[in-house]
Every structure is written in structure tokens, then in C-alpha cells.
């Protein structure tokens, strides 16, 4: 009986703690993002040339994560670093066009859109649209051909 009571007590305490932390998280989400936050750029993005100016911050973050995963790179691959202020870690200047990789990414985005719109949509309906991962396969530089991809390990026959 004591074990059941103790177990029930722990569940109730855990549930209360979870609700309290959930309430705190909701309160924190309504606070403005501090000026030095590296993700503050996503709240009011600047220098958008591919995406619409009205894109929701969550949608922009999702698109950037998709690019990142498709190329197997981190944000700093395309985005230039800001000069660090005092002892703070360096942050990224998302609006800057200082890096060639960002300019190339925009060109490649247009190329992918053209291929999908001009060619694949006019072909058989069985063709899927291509995306960054279609050529990059999780690597920073596109793979020239499927033949250059490593062959997957074959299951051992017994």
C-alpha cells in the first residue's frame, strides 16, 4: 500500500512539475528575442532574394534546415560570421552576401526551380521534382554521377 501511495505521489509531483515548466516555456515564448540572439534574424529577416518577404520565421528556419541537411553543412557554410563583440562567441550575419557559397546557393536554387518547372512538369507525371539532395546527397559539392556514390554494403549470405 505504501509503495502504491509513493508511486502515485511521484506521478502527481511529476505532472505538476511538467505543467509548471510548460507554463514557463509558454511565458518565455512570448518574450521578445534579445538583440544579441543569433536567431533574431529569423524574426525579421533581411536581404531575402529567394523567399517572399512575408515568409513566416518558422518556415524560413525549416527551409534553412532542409538546405543544411541536404548539403551536410552548418549555417556558417553559407553565412558570414560577424566580428565577435568582446568575449561573446561569434554570431552569423544572415543578411550578408559576403560568401560565395551563399551567392552560389541562390543560383542553384533558381536552377532547381527551372528544371522542375520547365522540364519535369512537362514530362510524364511519374517524374518527381528534384531538390538539393537530389545531387548533393548530403555533401557540400554536388555528386557528378550516381556511379561516384559509395556502394551500400551488401547483406551477407549464409
C-alpha atoms as a PDB file:
ATOM      1  CA  UNK A   1       0.000   0.000   0.000  1.00  0.00           C
ATOM      2  CA  UNK A   2       2.837   2.408   0.878  1.00  0.00           C
ATOM      3  CA  UNK A   3       4.542   1.675  -2.460  1.00  0.00           C
ATOM      4  CA  UNK A   4       1.368   2.471  -4.407  1.00  0.00           C
ATOM      5  CA  UNK A   5       0.896   5.715  -2.482  1.00  0.00           C
ATOM      6  CA  UNK A   6       4.535   6.702  -3.061  1.00  0.00           C
ATOM      7  CA  UNK A   7       4.234   5.878  -6.766  1.00  0.00           C
ATOM      8  CA  UNK A   8       1.013   7.914  -7.074  1.00  0.00           C
ATOM      9  CA  UNK A   9       2.640  10.802  -5.196  1.00  0.00           C
ATOM     10  CA  UNK A  10       5.623  10.772  -7.594  1.00  0.00           C
ATOM     11  CA  UNK A  11       3.313  10.810 -10.610  1.00  0.00           C
ATOM     12  CA  UNK A  12       1.380  13.790  -9.231  1.00  0.00           C
ATOM     13  CA  UNK A  13       4.567  15.705  -8.413  1.00  0.00           C
ATOM     14  CA  UNK A  14       5.943  14.945 -11.883  1.00  0.00           C
ATOM     15  CA  UNK A  15       2.735  16.097 -13.562  1.00  0.00           C
ATOM     16  CA  UNK A  16       2.754  19.325 -11.552  1.00  0.00           C
ATOM     17  CA  UNK A  17       6.398  19.970 -12.415  1.00  0.00           C
ATOM     18  CA  UNK A  18       5.699  19.315 -16.095  1.00  0.00           C
ATOM     19  CA  UNK A  19       2.754  21.757 -16.120  1.00  0.00           C
ATOM     20  CA  UNK A  20       4.852  24.382 -14.350  1.00  0.00           C
ATOM     21  CA  UNK A  21       7.713  24.025 -16.841  1.00  0.00           C
ATOM     22  CA  UNK A  22       5.215  24.092 -19.736  1.00  0.00           C
ATOM     23  CA  UNK A  23       3.699  27.322 -18.397  1.00  0.00           C
ATOM     24  CA  UNK A  24       7.199  28.824 -18.081  1.00  0.00           C
ATOM     25  CA  UNK A  25       8.028  27.791 -21.647  1.00  0.00           C
ATOM     26  CA  UNK A  26       4.855  29.460 -22.927  1.00  0.00           C
ATOM     27  CA  UNK A  27       5.689  32.624 -20.991  1.00  0.00           C
ATOM     28  CA  UNK A  28       9.239  32.593 -22.416  1.00  0.00           C
ATOM     29  CA  UNK A  29       7.946  32.187 -25.982  1.00  0.00           C
ATOM     30  CA  UNK A  30       6.064  35.481 -25.749  1.00  0.00           C
ATOM     31  CA  UNK A  31       9.141  37.433 -24.690  1.00  0.00           C
ATOM     32  CA  UNK A  32      10.953  39.353 -27.437  1.00  0.00           C
ATOM     33  CA  UNK A  33      14.155  37.750 -28.672  1.00  0.00           C
ATOM     34  CA  UNK A  34      17.177  39.529 -27.204  1.00  0.00           C
ATOM     35  CA  UNK A  35      19.159  41.668 -29.628  1.00  0.00           C
ATOM     36  CA  UNK A  36      22.297  39.521 -29.432  1.00  0.00           C
ATOM     37  CA  UNK A  37      20.459  36.275 -30.210  1.00  0.00           C
ATOM     38  CA  UNK A  38      21.780  34.635 -33.403  1.00  0.00           C
ATOM     39  CA  UNK A  39      18.258  33.504 -34.306  1.00  0.00           C
ATOM     40  CA  UNK A  40      16.834  37.035 -34.018  1.00  0.00           C
ATOM     41  CA  UNK A  41      17.484  37.442 -37.754  1.00  0.00           C
ATOM     42  CA  UNK A  42      14.779  34.858 -38.394  1.00  0.00           C
ATOM     43  CA  UNK A  43      12.198  37.048 -36.654  1.00  0.00           C
ATOM     44  CA  UNK A  44      12.726  39.945 -39.076  1.00  0.00           C
ATOM     45  CA  UNK A  45      14.792  38.554 -41.974  1.00  0.00           C
ATOM     46  CA  UNK A  46      16.665  40.974 -44.185  1.00  0.00           C
ATOM     47  CA  UNK A  47      18.041  40.675 -47.714  1.00  0.00           C
ATOM     48  CA  UNK A  48      15.633  37.941 -48.846  1.00  0.00           C
ATOM     49  CA  UNK A  49      16.096  37.324 -52.558  1.00  0.00           C
ATOM     50  CA  UNK A  50      14.658  33.821 -52.928  1.00  0.00           C
ATOM     51  CA  UNK A  51      11.927  33.659 -50.315  1.00  0.00           C
ATOM     52  CA  UNK A  52       8.977  36.054 -50.089  1.00  0.00           C
ATOM     53  CA  UNK A  53       9.420  38.965 -47.701  1.00  0.00           C
ATOM     54  CA  UNK A  54       6.324  37.763 -45.831  1.00  0.00           C
ATOM     55  CA  UNK A  55       7.657  34.267 -45.104  1.00  0.00           C
ATOM     56  CA  UNK A  56       6.918  33.085 -41.582  1.00  0.00           C
ATOM     57  CA  UNK A  57      10.067  32.782 -39.431  1.00  0.00           C
ATOM     58  CA  UNK A  58       9.257  29.134 -38.719  1.00  0.00           C
ATOM     59  CA  UNK A  59       9.024  28.383 -42.464  1.00  0.00           C
ATOM     60  CA  UNK A  60      12.334  30.137 -43.129  1.00  0.00           C
ATOM     61  CA  UNK A  61      14.050  28.127 -40.399  1.00  0.00           C
ATOM     62  CA  UNK A  62      12.599  24.920 -41.794  1.00  0.00           C
ATOM     63  CA  UNK A  63      13.861  25.735 -45.295  1.00  0.00           C
ATOM     64  CA  UNK A  64      17.332  26.565 -43.980  1.00  0.00           C
ATOM     65  CA  UNK A  65      17.441  23.280 -42.041  1.00  0.00           C
ATOM     66  CA  UNK A  66      16.456  21.413 -45.201  1.00  0.00           C
ATOM     67  CA  UNK A  67      19.301  23.067 -47.125  1.00  0.00           C
ATOM     68  CA  UNK A  68      21.698  22.309 -44.290  1.00  0.00           C
ATOM     69  CA  UNK A  69      20.772  18.619 -44.185  1.00  0.00           C
ATOM     70  CA  UNK A  70      20.742  18.272 -47.969  1.00  0.00           C
ATOM     71  CA  UNK A  71      24.320  19.526 -48.187  1.00  0.00           C
ATOM     72  CA  UNK A  72      25.574  18.133 -44.885  1.00  0.00           C
ATOM     73  CA  UNK A  73      26.774  21.568 -43.745  1.00  0.00           C
ATOM     74  CA  UNK A  74      26.138  24.004 -40.902  1.00  0.00           C
ATOM     75  CA  UNK A  75      24.848  27.584 -41.187  1.00  0.00           C
ATOM     76  CA  UNK A  76      28.353  29.081 -41.327  1.00  0.00           C
ATOM     77  CA  UNK A  77      28.995  27.323 -44.647  1.00  0.00           C
ATOM     78  CA  UNK A  78      26.885  29.939 -46.467  1.00  0.00           C
ATOM     79  CA  UNK A  79      26.505  32.716 -43.885  1.00  0.00           C
ATOM     80  CA  UNK A  80      29.336  35.064 -42.967  1.00  0.00           C
ATOM     81  CA  UNK A  81      30.413  35.480 -39.357  1.00  0.00           C
ATOM     82  CA  UNK A  82      30.059  38.773 -37.527  1.00  0.00           C
ATOM     83  CA  UNK A  83      33.078  40.090 -35.705  1.00  0.00           C
ATOM     84  CA  UNK A  84      32.749  38.947 -32.091  1.00  0.00           C
ATOM     85  CA  UNK A  85      31.923  41.591 -29.529  1.00  0.00           C
ATOM     86  CA  UNK A  86      34.250  41.306 -26.520  1.00  0.00           C
ATOM     87  CA  UNK A  87      34.128  37.817 -25.053  1.00  0.00           C
ATOM     88  CA  UNK A  88      30.925  36.694 -26.798  1.00  0.00           C
ATOM     89  CA  UNK A  89      31.091  33.800 -29.248  1.00  0.00           C
ATOM     90  CA  UNK A  90      30.950  34.833 -32.915  1.00  0.00           C
ATOM     91  CA  UNK A  91      27.498  35.066 -34.479  1.00  0.00           C
ATOM     92  CA  UNK A  92      26.390  34.858 -38.088  1.00  0.00           C
ATOM     93  CA  UNK A  93      25.345  37.749 -40.296  1.00  0.00           C
ATOM     94  CA  UNK A  94      22.446  36.080 -42.102  1.00  0.00           C
ATOM     95  CA  UNK A  95      21.788  39.140 -44.300  1.00  0.00           C
ATOM     96  CA  UNK A  96      25.356  39.411 -45.605  1.00  0.00           C
ATOM     97  CA  UNK A  97      26.206  38.349 -49.154  1.00  0.00           C
ATOM     98  CA  UNK A  98      29.936  38.225 -48.354  1.00  0.00           C
ATOM     99  CA  UNK A  99      30.352  34.496 -49.008  1.00  0.00           C
ATOM    100  CA  UNK A 100      30.426  32.965 -52.486  1.00  0.00           C
ATOM    101  CA  UNK A 101      28.630  29.895 -51.140  1.00  0.00           C
ATOM    102  CA  UNK A 102      25.515  31.954 -50.407  1.00  0.00           C
ATOM    103  CA  UNK A 103      25.508  33.504 -53.871  1.00  0.00           C
ATOM    104  CA  UNK A 104      26.029  30.063 -55.432  1.00  0.00           C
ATOM    105  CA  UNK A 105      23.194  28.623 -53.344  1.00  0.00           C
ATOM    106  CA  UNK A 106      20.814  31.231 -54.749  1.00  0.00           C
ATOM    107  CA  UNK A 107      21.877  30.397 -58.314  1.00  0.00           C
ATOM    108  CA  UNK A 108      21.441  26.698 -57.667  1.00  0.00           C
ATOM    109  CA  UNK A 109      18.017  27.289 -56.120  1.00  0.00           C
ATOM    110  CA  UNK A 110      16.932  29.040 -59.344  1.00  0.00           C
ATOM    111  CA  UNK A 111      18.454  26.202 -61.390  1.00  0.00           C
ATOM    112  CA  UNK A 112      16.460  23.587 -59.444  1.00  0.00           C
ATOM    113  CA  UNK A 113      13.256  25.604 -59.835  1.00  0.00           C
ATOM    114  CA  UNK A 114      13.867  25.942 -63.594  1.00  0.00           C
ATOM    115  CA  UNK A 115      14.486  22.222 -64.002  1.00  0.00           C
ATOM    116  CA  UNK A 116      11.317  21.388 -62.105  1.00  0.00           C
ATOM    117  CA  UNK A 117       9.145  23.997 -63.834  1.00  0.00           C
ATOM    118  CA  UNK A 118      10.490  23.960 -67.388  1.00  0.00           C
ATOM    119  CA  UNK A 119      11.295  20.309 -67.847  1.00  0.00           C
ATOM    120  CA  UNK A 120       9.973  17.883 -65.264  1.00  0.00           C
ATOM    121  CA  UNK A 121       6.441  19.310 -65.118  1.00  0.00           C
ATOM    122  CA  UNK A 122       6.179  18.895 -68.907  1.00  0.00           C
ATOM    123  CA  UNK A 123       7.215  15.253 -68.766  1.00  0.00           C
ATOM    124  CA  UNK A 124       5.387  12.189 -67.573  1.00  0.00           C
ATOM    125  CA  UNK A 125       3.590  12.648 -64.246  1.00  0.00           C
ATOM    126  CA  UNK A 126       5.724   9.874 -62.741  1.00  0.00           C
ATOM    127  CA  UNK A 127       8.759  12.204 -62.561  1.00  0.00           C
ATOM    128  CA  UNK A 128       9.276  13.652 -59.120  1.00  0.00           C
ATOM    129  CA  UNK A 129      10.613  17.138 -58.524  1.00  0.00           C
ATOM    130  CA  UNK A 130      14.276  17.416 -57.770  1.00  0.00           C
ATOM    131  CA  UNK A 131      15.731  19.217 -54.764  1.00  0.00           C
ATOM    132  CA  UNK A 132      19.169  19.991 -53.363  1.00  0.00           C
ATOM    133  CA  UNK A 133      19.608  16.479 -52.009  1.00  0.00           C
ATOM    134  CA  UNK A 134      18.977  15.018 -55.484  1.00  0.00           C
ATOM    135  CA  UNK A 135      22.520  15.994 -56.493  1.00  0.00           C
ATOM    136  CA  UNK A 136      24.285  16.781 -53.224  1.00  0.00           C
ATOM    137  CA  UNK A 137      23.394  13.601 -51.316  1.00  0.00           C
ATOM    138  CA  UNK A 138      24.381  15.234 -48.016  1.00  0.00           C
ATOM    139  CA  UNK A 139      27.691  16.599 -49.323  1.00  0.00           C
ATOM    140  CA  UNK A 140      28.764  20.243 -49.824  1.00  0.00           C
ATOM    141  CA  UNK A 141      29.574  19.712 -53.519  1.00  0.00           C
ATOM    142  CA  UNK A 142      27.145  18.008 -55.879  1.00  0.00           C
ATOM    143  CA  UNK A 143      27.972  14.448 -56.901  1.00  0.00           C
ATOM    144  CA  UNK A 144      28.760  14.259 -60.611  1.00  0.00           C
ATOM    145  CA  UNK A 145      27.002  10.928 -61.106  1.00  0.00           C
ATOM    146  CA  UNK A 146      25.354   8.162 -59.177  1.00  0.00           C
ATOM    147  CA  UNK A 147      28.341   5.974 -60.098  1.00  0.00           C
ATOM    148  CA  UNK A 148      30.570   8.091 -57.857  1.00  0.00           C
ATOM    149  CA  UNK A 149      28.428   7.351 -54.797  1.00  0.00           C
ATOM    150  CA  UNK A 150      29.804   4.676 -52.491  1.00  0.00           C
ATOM    151  CA  UNK A 151      28.069   1.364 -52.939  1.00  0.00           C
ATOM    152  CA  UNK A 152      25.935   0.341 -49.988  1.00  0.00           C
ATOM    153  CA  UNK A 153      27.108  -2.728 -48.087  1.00  0.00           C
ATOM    154  CA  UNK A 154      25.541  -5.927 -49.333  1.00  0.00           C
ATOM    155  CA  UNK A 155      23.915  -8.287 -46.842  1.00  0.00           C
ATOM    156  CA  UNK A 156      25.987 -11.352 -46.069  1.00  0.00           C
ATOM    157  CA  UNK A 157      24.651 -14.580 -47.487  1.00  0.00           C
ATOM    158  CA  UNK A 158      24.739 -17.622 -45.314  1.00  0.00           C
END
